[in-house]
Amino acid sequence: MLCALCLFGGLFGFVAWARGDGPGSGRRVVIDVPARGSDGDLMAVLVEHGLIRRRFPFSLYFRLFTQGPAAGRHVLRDDLGPRALAQRLSR
């Protein structure tokens, strides 16, 4: 029972985090996603441009809930939450 409660709490926290705000103040950022780039390279670019704070939670969310990044140029804002950022990158 306690284990199930902890699991539910962790899942709820992860979903709440994904729906939260991003780290920035609304600055526009343009990034280019190569057709054959790795997830690690993409996460490094996102951290470098201030779009995410830490790689691991966003990388996990991105792998679980998207089909992967769409190649090409993406115009993003640094205040996008993880969910919105993942959706925009996978379009």
PDB file of N, CA and C in Angstrom:
ATOM      1  N   MET A   1       0.827  -1.194   0.000  1.00  0.00           N
ATOM      2  CA  MET A   1       0.000   0.000   0.000  1.00  0.00           C
ATOM      3  C   MET A   1       0.873   1.260   0.000  1.00  0.00           C
ATOM      4  N   LEU A   2       1.871   1.293   0.883  1.00  0.00           N
ATOM      5  CA  LEU A   2       2.758   2.444   0.972  1.00  0.00           C
ATOM      6  C   LEU A   2       3.562   2.612  -0.318  1.00  0.00           C
ATOM      7  N   CYS A   3       3.983   1.501  -0.899  1.00  0.00           N
ATOM      8  CA  CYS A   3       4.741   1.541  -2.149  1.00  0.00           C
ATOM      9  C   CYS A   3       3.885   2.129  -3.278  1.00  0.00           C
ATOM     10  N   ALA A   4       2.636   1.699  -3.368  1.00  0.00           N
ATOM     11  CA  ALA A   4       1.726   2.216  -4.391  1.00  0.00           C
ATOM     12  C   ALA A   4       1.479   3.706  -4.189  1.00  0.00           C
ATOM     13  N   LEU A   5       1.368   4.132  -2.952  1.00  0.00           N
ATOM     14  CA  LEU A   5       1.155   5.535  -2.642  1.00  0.00           C
ATOM     15  C   LEU A   5       2.373   6.368  -3.050  1.00  0.00           C
ATOM     16  N   CYS A   6       3.557   5.864  -2.781  1.00  0.00           N
ATOM     17  CA  CYS A   6       4.784   6.552  -3.187  1.00  0.00           C
ATOM     18  C   CYS A   6       4.892   6.635  -4.707  1.00  0.00           C
ATOM     19  N   LEU A   7       4.559   5.565  -5.387  1.00  0.00           N
ATOM     20  CA  LEU A   7       4.592   5.550  -6.845  1.00  0.00           C
ATOM     21  C   LEU A   7       3.608   6.558  -7.423  1.00  0.00           C
ATOM     22  N   PHE A   8       2.393   6.583  -6.886  1.00  0.00           N
ATOM     23  CA  PHE A   8       1.387   7.539  -7.339  1.00  0.00           C
ATOM     24  C   PHE A   8       1.843   8.971  -7.075  1.00  0.00           C
ATOM     25  N   GLY A   9       2.420   9.213  -5.914  1.00  0.00           N
ATOM     26  CA  GLY A   9       2.910  10.551  -5.580  1.00  0.00           C
ATOM     27  C   GLY A   9       4.022  10.997  -6.511  1.00  0.00           C
ATOM     28  N   GLY A  10       4.935  10.081  -6.834  1.00  0.00           N
ATOM     29  CA  GLY A  10       6.016  10.396  -7.759  1.00  0.00           C
ATOM     30  C   GLY A  10       5.501  10.692  -9.157  1.00  0.00           C
ATOM     31  N   LEU A  11       4.551   9.910  -9.618  1.00  0.00           N
ATOM     32  CA  LEU A  11       3.960  10.132 -10.933  1.00  0.00           C
ATOM     33  C   LEU A  11       3.220  11.464 -10.973  1.00  0.00           C
ATOM     34  N   PHE A  12       2.474  11.763  -9.917  1.00  0.00           N
ATOM     35  CA  PHE A  12       1.748  13.028  -9.841  1.00  0.00           C
ATOM     36  C   PHE A  12       2.736  14.202  -9.862  1.00  0.00           C
ATOM     37  N   GLY A  13       3.821  14.089  -9.117  1.00  0.00           N
ATOM     38  CA  GLY A  13       4.836  15.139  -9.098  1.00  0.00           C
ATOM     39  C   GLY A  13       5.487  15.341 -10.451  1.00  0.00           C
ATOM     40  N   PHE A  14       5.755  14.249 -11.167  1.00  0.00           N
ATOM     41  CA  PHE A  14       6.374  14.320 -12.489  1.00  0.00           C
ATOM     42  C   PHE A  14       5.454  15.026 -13.480  1.00  0.00           C
ATOM     43  N   VAL A  15       4.162  14.686 -13.448  1.00  0.00           N
ATOM     44  CA  VAL A  15       3.190  15.314 -14.346  1.00  0.00           C
ATOM     45  C   VAL A  15       3.023  16.791 -13.993  1.00  0.00           C
ATOM     46  N   ALA A  16       2.980  17.107 -12.705  1.00  0.00           N
ATOM     47  CA  ALA A  16       2.852  18.505 -12.283  1.00  0.00           C
ATOM     48  C   ALA A  16       4.074  19.308 -12.726  1.00  0.00           C
ATOM     49  N   TRP A  17       5.261  18.721 -12.605  1.00  0.00           N
ATOM     50  CA  TRP A  17       6.484  19.384 -13.063  1.00  0.00           C
ATOM     51  C   TRP A  17       6.402  19.674 -14.563  1.00  0.00           C
ATOM     52  N   ALA A  18       5.929  18.696 -15.342  1.00  0.00           N
ATOM     53  CA  ALA A  18       5.872  18.848 -16.798  1.00  0.00           C
ATOM     54  C   ALA A  18       4.908  19.950 -17.223  1.00  0.00           C
ATOM     55  N   ARG A  19       3.894  20.214 -16.426  1.00  0.00           N
ATOM     56  CA  ARG A  19       2.923  21.253 -16.760  1.00  0.00           C
ATOM     57  C   ARG A  19       3.298  22.621 -16.197  1.00  0.00           C
ATOM     58  N   GLY A  20       4.414  22.685 -15.491  1.00  0.00           N
ATOM     59  CA  GLY A  20       4.863  23.938 -14.878  1.00  0.00           C
ATOM     60  C   GLY A  20       5.492  24.887 -15.887  1.00  0.00           C
ATOM     61  N   ASP A  21       6.018  25.958 -15.377  1.00  0.00           N
ATOM     62  CA  ASP A  21       6.656  26.973 -16.214  1.00  0.00           C
ATOM     63  C   ASP A  21       8.101  26.617 -16.510  1.00  0.00           C
ATOM     64  N   GLY A  22       8.616  27.210 -17.560  1.00  0.00           N
ATOM     65  CA  GLY A  22      10.008  27.034 -17.923  1.00  0.00           C
ATOM     66  C   GLY A  22      10.907  27.954 -17.124  1.00  0.00           C
ATOM     67  N   PRO A  23      12.218  27.834 -17.317  1.00  0.00           N
ATOM     68  CA  PRO A  23      13.172  28.582 -16.497  1.00  0.00           C
ATOM     69  C   PRO A  23      13.355  30.042 -16.886  1.00  0.00           C
ATOM     70  N   GLY A  24      12.906  30.442 -18.053  1.00  0.00           N
ATOM     71  CA  GLY A  24      13.226  31.782 -18.551  1.00  0.00           C
ATOM     72  C   GLY A  24      12.146  32.818 -18.324  1.00  0.00           C
ATOM     73  N   SER A  25      12.306  33.931 -19.040  1.00  0.00           N
ATOM     74  CA  SER A  25      11.403  35.066 -18.891  1.00  0.00           C
ATOM     75  C   SER A  25      10.622  35.389 -20.161  1.00  0.00           C
ATOM     76  N   GLY A  26      10.683  34.526 -21.157  1.00  0.00           N
ATOM     77  CA  GLY A  26       9.926  34.737 -22.387  1.00  0.00           C
ATOM     78  C   GLY A  26      10.781  35.106 -23.588  1.00  0.00           C
ATOM     79  N   ARG A  27      12.082  35.048 -23.445  1.00  0.00           N
ATOM     80  CA  ARG A  27      13.002  35.366 -24.542  1.00  0.00           C
ATOM     81  C   ARG A  27      12.850  34.343 -25.668  1.00  0.00           C
ATOM     82  N   ARG A  28      12.858  34.813 -26.906  1.00  0.00           N
ATOM     83  CA  ARG A  28      12.773  33.911 -28.054  1.00  0.00           C
ATOM     84  C   ARG A  28      14.139  33.297 -28.338  1.00  0.00           C
ATOM     85  N   VAL A  29      14.113  32.016 -28.649  1.00  0.00           N
ATOM     86  CA  VAL A  29      15.335  31.261 -28.931  1.00  0.00           C
ATOM     87  C   VAL A  29      15.103  30.462 -30.205  1.00  0.00           C
ATOM     88  N   VAL A  30      16.063  30.494 -31.096  1.00  0.00           N
ATOM     89  CA  VAL A  30      15.996  29.718 -32.341  1.00  0.00           C
ATOM     90  C   VAL A  30      17.052  28.623 -32.262  1.00  0.00           C
ATOM     91  N   ILE A  31      16.615  27.373 -32.454  1.00  0.00           N
ATOM     92  CA  ILE A  31      17.559  26.259 -32.489  1.00  0.00           C
ATOM     93  C   ILE A  31      17.314  25.442 -33.753  1.00  0.00           C
ATOM     94  N   ASP A  32      18.367  24.813 -34.232  1.00  0.00           N
ATOM     95  CA  ASP A  32      18.275  23.912 -35.379  1.00  0.00           C
ATOM     96  C   ASP A  32      18.475  22.492 -34.886  1.00  0.00           C
ATOM     97  N   VAL A  33      17.533  21.622 -35.210  1.00  0.00           N
ATOM     98  CA  VAL A  33      17.616  20.211 -34.820  1.00  0.00           C
ATOM     99  C   VAL A  33      18.007  19.417 -36.062  1.00  0.00           C
ATOM    100  N   PRO A  34      19.180  18.777 -36.040  1.00  0.00           N
ATOM    101  CA  PRO A  34      19.593  17.990 -37.205  1.00  0.00           C
ATOM    102  C   PRO A  34      18.755  16.726 -37.350  1.00  0.00           C
ATOM    103  N   ALA A  35      18.665  16.228 -38.565  1.00  0.00           N
ATOM    104  CA  ALA A  35      17.854  15.043 -38.848  1.00  0.00           C
ATOM    105  C   ALA A  35      18.348  13.811 -38.107  1.00  0.00           C
ATOM    106  N   ARG A  36      19.631  13.691 -37.894  1.00  0.00           N
ATOM    107  CA  ARG A  36      20.186  12.496 -37.261  1.00  0.00           C
ATOM    108  C   ARG A  36      20.939  12.811 -35.966  1.00  0.00           C
ATOM    109  N   GLY A  37      20.530  13.854 -35.278  1.00  0.00           N
ATOM    110  CA  GLY A  37      21.189  14.213 -34.024  1.00  0.00           C
ATOM    111  C   GLY A  37      20.785  13.278 -32.896  1.00  0.00           C
ATOM    112  N   SER A  38      21.615  13.216 -31.873  1.00  0.00           N
ATOM    113  CA  SER A  38      21.314  12.356 -30.727  1.00  0.00           C
ATOM    114  C   SER A  38      20.509  13.127 -29.687  1.00  0.00           C
ATOM    115  N   ASP A  39      19.819  12.390 -28.816  1.00  0.00           N
ATOM    116  CA  ASP A  39      19.067  13.018 -27.729  1.00  0.00           C
ATOM    117  C   ASP A  39      19.993  13.807 -26.816  1.00  0.00           C
ATOM    118  N   GLY A  40      21.181  13.266 -26.566  1.00  0.00           N
ATOM    119  CA  GLY A  40      22.137  13.949 -25.709  1.00  0.00           C
ATOM    120  C   GLY A  40      22.563  15.295 -26.273  1.00  0.00           C
ATOM    121  N   ASP A  41      22.768  15.339 -27.586  1.00  0.00           N
ATOM    122  CA  ASP A  41      23.136  16.604 -28.234  1.00  0.00           C
ATOM    123  C   ASP A  41      22.002  17.615 -28.130  1.00  0.00           C
ATOM    124  N   LEU A  42      20.771  17.157 -28.342  1.00  0.00           N
ATOM    125  CA  LEU A  42      19.622  18.050 -28.240  1.00  0.00           C
ATOM    126  C   LEU A  42      19.477  18.584 -26.820  1.00  0.00           C
ATOM    127  N   MET A  43      19.621  17.724 -25.825  1.00  0.00           N
ATOM    128  CA  MET A  43      19.488  18.162 -24.433  1.00  0.00           C
ATOM    129  C   MET A  43      20.572  19.180 -24.086  1.00  0.00           C
ATOM    130  N   ALA A  44      21.789  18.989 -24.605  1.00  0.00           N
ATOM    131  CA  ALA A  44      22.881  19.941 -24.360  1.00  0.00           C
ATOM    132  C   ALA A  44      22.545  21.307 -24.950  1.00  0.00           C
ATOM    133  N   VAL A  45      21.970  21.329 -26.141  1.00  0.00           N
ATOM    134  CA  VAL A  45      21.576  22.590 -26.773  1.00  0.00           C
ATOM    135  C   VAL A  45      20.472  23.270 -25.962  1.00  0.00           C
ATOM    136  N   LEU A  46      19.516  22.495 -25.480  1.00  0.00           N
ATOM    137  CA  LEU A  46      18.420  23.066 -24.691  1.00  0.00           C
ATOM    138  C   LEU A  46      18.930  23.675 -23.387  1.00  0.00           C
ATOM    139  N   VAL A  47      19.865  23.012 -22.732  1.00  0.00           N
ATOM    140  CA  VAL A  47      20.462  23.554 -21.500  1.00  0.00           C
ATOM    141  C   VAL A  47      21.276  24.807 -21.827  1.00  0.00           C
ATOM    142  N   GLU A  48      22.066  24.741 -22.892  1.00  0.00           N
ATOM    143  CA  GLU A  48      22.928  25.864 -23.281  1.00  0.00           C
ATOM    144  C   GLU A  48      22.114  27.129 -23.550  1.00  0.00           C
ATOM    145  N   HIS A  49      20.947  26.981 -24.148  1.00  0.00           N
ATOM    146  CA  HIS A  49      20.103  28.137 -24.479  1.00  0.00           C
ATOM    147  C   HIS A  49      19.129  28.508 -23.363  1.00  0.00           C
ATOM    148  N   GLY A  50      19.211  27.825 -22.244  1.00  0.00           N
ATOM    149  CA  GLY A  50      18.364  28.170 -21.108  1.00  0.00           C
ATOM    150  C   GLY A  50      16.922  27.726 -21.241  1.00  0.00           C
ATOM    151  N   LEU A  51      16.661  26.718 -22.087  1.00  0.00           N
ATOM    152  CA  LEU A  51      15.296  26.236 -22.283  1.00  0.00           C
ATOM    153  C   LEU A  51      14.896  25.200 -21.235  1.00  0.00           C
ATOM    154  N   ILE A  52      15.877  24.496 -20.687  1.00  0.00           N
ATOM    155  CA  ILE A  52      15.641  23.553 -19.589  1.00  0.00           C
ATOM    156  C   ILE A  52      16.751  23.735 -18.559  1.00  0.00           C
ATOM    157  N   ARG A  53      16.451  23.342 -17.322  1.00  0.00           N
ATOM    158  CA  ARG A  53      17.463  23.464 -16.263  1.00  0.00           C
ATOM    159  C   ARG A  53      18.352  22.224 -16.190  1.00  0.00           C
ATOM    160  N   ARG A  54      17.725  21.061 -16.246  1.00  0.00           N
ATOM    161  CA  ARG A  54      18.460  19.800 -16.117  1.00  0.00           C
ATOM    162  C   ARG A  54      18.068  18.861 -17.254  1.00  0.00           C
ATOM    163  N   ARG A  55      19.028  18.100 -17.712  1.00  0.00           N
ATOM    164  CA  ARG A  55      18.802  17.195 -18.841  1.00  0.00           C
ATOM    165  C   ARG A  55      17.905  16.012 -18.502  1.00  0.00           C
ATOM    166  N   PHE A  56      18.204  15.325 -17.400  1.00  0.00           N
ATOM    167  CA  PHE A  56      17.569  14.032 -17.151  1.00  0.00           C
ATOM    168  C   PHE A  56      16.035  14.082 -17.076  1.00  0.00           C
ATOM    169  N   PRO A  57      15.423  14.946 -16.267  1.00  0.00           N
ATOM    170  CA  PRO A  57      13.951  14.897 -16.197  1.00  0.00           C
ATOM    171  C   PRO A  57      13.294  15.205 -17.541  1.00  0.00           C
ATOM    172  N   PHE A  58      13.839  16.199 -18.265  1.00  0.00           N
ATOM    173  CA  PHE A  58      13.239  16.530 -19.555  1.00  0.00           C
ATOM    174  C   PHE A  58      13.467  15.412 -20.561  1.00  0.00           C
ATOM    175  N   SER A  59      14.662  14.833 -20.556  1.00  0.00           N
ATOM    176  CA  SER A  59      14.964  13.737 -21.468  1.00  0.00           C
ATOM    177  C   SER A  59      14.016  12.556 -21.235  1.00  0.00           C
ATOM    178  N   LEU A  60      13.785  12.235 -19.984  1.00  0.00           N
ATOM    179  CA  LEU A  60      12.862  11.148 -19.648  1.00  0.00           C
ATOM    180  C   LEU A  60      11.457  11.464 -20.132  1.00  0.00           C
ATOM    181  N   TYR A  61      10.973  12.667 -19.845  1.00  0.00           N
ATOM    182  CA  TYR A  61       9.638  13.072 -20.291  1.00  0.00           C
ATOM    183  C   TYR A  61       9.553  13.018 -21.815  1.00  0.00           C
ATOM    184  N   PHE A  62      10.571  13.545 -22.488  1.00  0.00           N
ATOM    185  CA  PHE A  62      10.579  13.602 -23.944  1.00  0.00           C
ATOM    186  C   PHE A  62      10.533  12.205 -24.552  1.00  0.00           C
ATOM    187  N   ARG A  63      11.285  11.275 -23.989  1.00  0.00           N
ATOM    188  CA  ARG A  63      11.292   9.895 -24.507  1.00  0.00           C
ATOM    189  C   ARG A  63       9.964   9.186 -24.259  1.00  0.00           C
ATOM    190  N   LEU A  64       9.345   9.457 -23.121  1.00  0.00           N
ATOM    191  CA  LEU A  64       8.093   8.778 -22.779  1.00  0.00           C
ATOM    192  C   LEU A  64       6.886   9.298 -23.555  1.00  0.00           C
ATOM    193  N   PHE A  65       6.854  10.593 -23.841  1.00  0.00           N
ATOM    194  CA  PHE A  65       5.625  11.186 -24.337  1.00  0.00           C
ATOM    195  C   PHE A  65       5.684  11.775 -25.742  1.00  0.00           C
ATOM    196  N   THR A  66       6.798  11.618 -26.450  1.00  0.00           N
ATOM    197  CA  THR A  66       6.853  12.100 -27.832  1.00  0.00           C
ATOM    198  C   THR A  66       7.457  11.027 -28.728  1.00  0.00           C
ATOM    199  N   GLN A  67       7.364  11.259 -30.010  1.00  0.00           N
ATOM    200  CA  GLN A  67       7.965  10.364 -31.004  1.00  0.00           C
ATOM    201  C   GLN A  67       9.391  10.775 -31.329  1.00  0.00           C
ATOM    202  N   GLY A  68       9.867  11.832 -30.725  1.00  0.00           N
ATOM    203  CA  GLY A  68      11.209  12.342 -30.993  1.00  0.00           C
ATOM    204  C   GLY A  68      11.134  13.711 -31.613  1.00  0.00           C
ATOM    205  N   PRO A  69      12.271  14.360 -31.746  1.00  0.00           N
ATOM    206  CA  PRO A  69      12.270  15.729 -32.278  1.00  0.00           C
ATOM    207  C   PRO A  69      12.072  15.756 -33.785  1.00  0.00           C
ATOM    208  N   ALA A  70      11.385  16.791 -34.246  1.00  0.00           N
ATOM    209  CA  ALA A  70      11.255  17.027 -35.678  1.00  0.00           C
ATOM    210  C   ALA A  70      12.484  17.800 -36.125  1.00  0.00           C
ATOM    211  N   ALA A  71      13.111  17.337 -37.179  1.00  0.00           N
ATOM    212  CA  ALA A  71      14.300  18.014 -37.691  1.00  0.00           C
ATOM    213  C   ALA A  71      13.914  19.376 -38.253  1.00  0.00           C
ATOM    214  N   GLY A  72      14.849  20.310 -38.158  1.00  0.00           N
ATOM    215  CA  GLY A  72      14.631  21.632 -38.730  1.00  0.00           C
ATOM    216  C   GLY A  72      14.786  22.726 -37.701  1.00  0.00           C
ATOM    217  N   ARG A  73      14.413  23.928 -38.111  1.00  0.00           N
ATOM    218  CA  ARG A  73      14.534  25.110 -37.259  1.00  0.00           C
ATOM    219  C   ARG A  73      13.299  25.234 -36.377  1.00  0.00           C
ATOM    220  N   HIS A  74      13.542  25.507 -35.096  1.00  0.00           N
ATOM    221  CA  HIS A  74      12.467  25.684 -34.113  1.00  0.00           C
ATOM    222  C   HIS A  74      12.631  27.042 -33.446  1.00  0.00           C
ATOM    223  N   VAL A  75      11.565  27.837 -33.457  1.00  0.00           N
ATOM    224  CA  VAL A  75      11.542  29.106 -32.738  1.00  0.00           C
ATOM    225  C   VAL A  75      10.768  28.852 -31.449  1.00  0.00           C
ATOM    226  N   LEU A  76      11.456  29.003 -30.326  1.00  0.00           N
ATOM    227  CA  LEU A  76      10.902  28.649 -29.018  1.00  0.00           C
ATOM    228  C   LEU A  76      11.030  29.838 -28.075  1.00  0.00           C
ATOM    229  N   ARG A  77      10.373  29.751 -26.933  1.00  0.00           N
ATOM    230  CA  ARG A  77      10.529  30.737 -25.859  1.00  0.00           C
ATOM    231  C   ARG A  77      11.128  30.034 -24.655  1.00  0.00           C
ATOM    232  N   ASP A  78      11.962  30.743 -23.905  1.00  0.00           N
ATOM    233  CA  ASP A  78      12.621  30.105 -22.765  1.00  0.00           C
ATOM    234  C   ASP A  78      11.729  29.967 -21.538  1.00  0.00           C
ATOM    235  N   ASP A  79      10.483  30.440 -21.617  1.00  0.00           N
ATOM    236  CA  ASP A  79       9.555  30.258 -20.497  1.00  0.00           C
ATOM    237  C   ASP A  79       8.565  29.120 -20.727  1.00  0.00           C
ATOM    238  N   LEU A  80       8.752  28.350 -21.794  1.00  0.00           N
ATOM    239  CA  LEU A  80       7.883  27.203 -22.050  1.00  0.00           C
ATOM    240  C   LEU A  80       8.158  26.113 -21.019  1.00  0.00           C
ATOM    241  N   GLY A  81       7.101  25.533 -20.488  1.00  0.00           N
ATOM    242  CA  GLY A  81       7.250  24.418 -19.569  1.00  0.00           C
ATOM    243  C   GLY A  81       7.683  23.169 -20.324  1.00  0.00           C
ATOM    244  N   PRO A  82       8.089  22.140 -19.616  1.00  0.00           N
ATOM    245  CA  PRO A  82       8.566  20.917 -20.267  1.00  0.00           C
ATOM    246  C   PRO A  82       7.558  20.306 -21.245  1.00  0.00           C
ATOM    247  N   ARG A  83       6.293  20.276 -20.865  1.00  0.00           N
ATOM    248  CA  ARG A  83       5.273  19.683 -21.743  1.00  0.00           C
ATOM    249  C   ARG A  83       5.142  20.469 -23.040  1.00  0.00           C
ATOM    250  N   ALA A  84       5.023  21.788 -22.947  1.00  0.00           N
ATOM    251  CA  ALA A  84       4.877  22.632 -24.134  1.00  0.00           C
ATOM    252  C   ALA A  84       6.133  22.581 -25.005  1.00  0.00           C
ATOM    253  N   LEU A  85       7.299  22.572 -24.370  1.00  0.00           N
ATOM    254  CA  LEU A  85       8.548  22.494 -25.119  1.00  0.00           C
ATOM    255  C   LEU A  85       8.650  21.177 -25.874  1.00  0.00           C
ATOM    256  N   ALA A  86       8.307  20.079 -25.221  1.00  0.00           N
ATOM    257  CA  ALA A  86       8.348  18.758 -25.871  1.00  0.00           C
ATOM    258  C   ALA A  86       7.380  18.718 -27.048  1.00  0.00           C
ATOM    259  N   GLN A  87       6.189  19.283 -26.878  1.00  0.00           N
ATOM    260  CA  GLN A  87       5.214  19.277 -27.959  1.00  0.00           C
ATOM    261  C   GLN A  87       5.718  20.085 -29.164  1.00  0.00           C
ATOM    262  N   ARG A  88       6.317  21.226 -28.904  1.00  0.00           N
ATOM    263  CA  ARG A  88       6.806  22.058 -29.998  1.00  0.00           C
ATOM    264  C   ARG A  88       7.988  21.412 -30.719  1.00  0.00           C
ATOM    265  N   LEU A  89       8.857  20.764 -29.971  1.00  0.00           N
ATOM    266  CA  LEU A  89      10.008  20.120 -30.594  1.00  0.00           C
ATOM    267  C   LEU A  89       9.617  18.894 -31.423  1.00  0.00           C
ATOM    268  N   SER A  90       8.511  18.282 -31.097  1.00  0.00           N
ATOM    269  CA  SER A  90       8.123  17.059 -31.815  1.00  0.00           C
ATOM    270  C   SER A  90       7.170  17.323 -32.967  1.00  0.00           C
ATOM    271  N   ARG A  91       6.819  18.550 -33.237  1.00  0.00           N
ATOM    272  CA  ARG A  91       5.941  18.868 -34.372  1.00  0.00           C
ATOM    273  C   ARG A  91       6.691  18.816 -35.668  1.00  0.00           C
TER     274      ARG A  91
END
